Every structure is written in structure tokens, then in C-alpha cells.
Amino acid sequence: MNEINRERMYISNKNKLKIKNLILHYFILSFIMIVRAKELLR
């Protein structure tokens, strides 16, 4: 029983990390896009 709970926690932690990485990735991408747009507008 304990093993199953540990496995479940591990999987949910991995999914949380994946979501955090995705958010970070898109945040950085949009930031780069904004910077490039400003460069183009100059």
C-alpha cells in the first residue's frame, strides 16, 4: 500500500514539474517575442 502511494506521489510530482517547465518555457518564449517585436518597431 505504501509503495503505491509513493508511486502516485512521484507521478504527480513529475506532472507538476512538467507543468511548471511548460509555463516557464512559454513565459520565456513570449518574453523573447516581445523583445524582438520592440526591436523591429524601432
Protein backbone atom coordinates (compact mmCIF):
# COMPACT_ATOMS: atom_id res chain seq x y z
CA MET A 1 0.00 0.00 0.00
CA ASN A 2 2.78 2.40 0.93
CA GLU A 3 4.62 1.67 -2.31
CA ILE A 4 1.56 2.53 -4.39
CA ASN A 5 1.11 5.85 -2.58
CA ARG A 6 4.78 6.66 -3.08
CA GLU A 7 4.48 5.83 -6.77
CA ARG A 8 1.39 8.03 -7.08
CA MET A 9 3.11 10.95 -5.34
CA TYR A 10 6.14 10.54 -7.59
CA ILE A 11 3.98 10.62 -10.72
CA SER A 12 2.02 13.69 -9.56
CA ASN A 13 5.27 15.47 -8.67
CA LYS A 14 6.63 14.69 -12.12
CA ASN A 15 3.47 16.08 -13.70
CA LYS A 16 3.69 19.24 -11.58
CA LEU A 17 7.29 19.71 -12.69
CA LYS A 18 6.26 19.20 -16.31
CA ILE A 19 3.55 21.87 -15.97
CA LYS A 20 5.99 24.27 -14.28
CA ASN A 21 8.53 23.72 -17.04
CA LEU A 22 5.87 24.33 -19.71
CA ILE A 23 4.75 27.57 -18.06
CA LEU A 24 8.36 28.72 -17.72
CA HIS A 25 9.08 27.77 -21.34
CA TYR A 26 6.11 29.72 -22.69
CA PHE A 27 6.89 32.68 -20.41
CA ILE A 28 10.44 32.86 -21.77
CA LEU A 29 9.22 32.41 -25.36
CA SER A 30 6.67 35.21 -25.06
CA PHE A 31 9.27 37.43 -23.40
CA ILE A 32 11.67 36.86 -26.32
CA MET A 33 8.86 37.57 -28.80
CA ILE A 34 8.04 40.88 -27.05
CA VAL A 35 11.71 41.90 -27.07
CA ARG A 36 12.01 41.05 -30.78
CA ALA A 37 8.83 42.96 -31.58
CA LYS A 38 10.22 46.02 -29.80
CA GLU A 39 13.46 45.67 -31.75
CA LEU A 40 11.51 45.51 -35.02
CA LEU A 41 9.40 48.54 -34.14
CA ARG A 42 12.46 50.71 -33.58
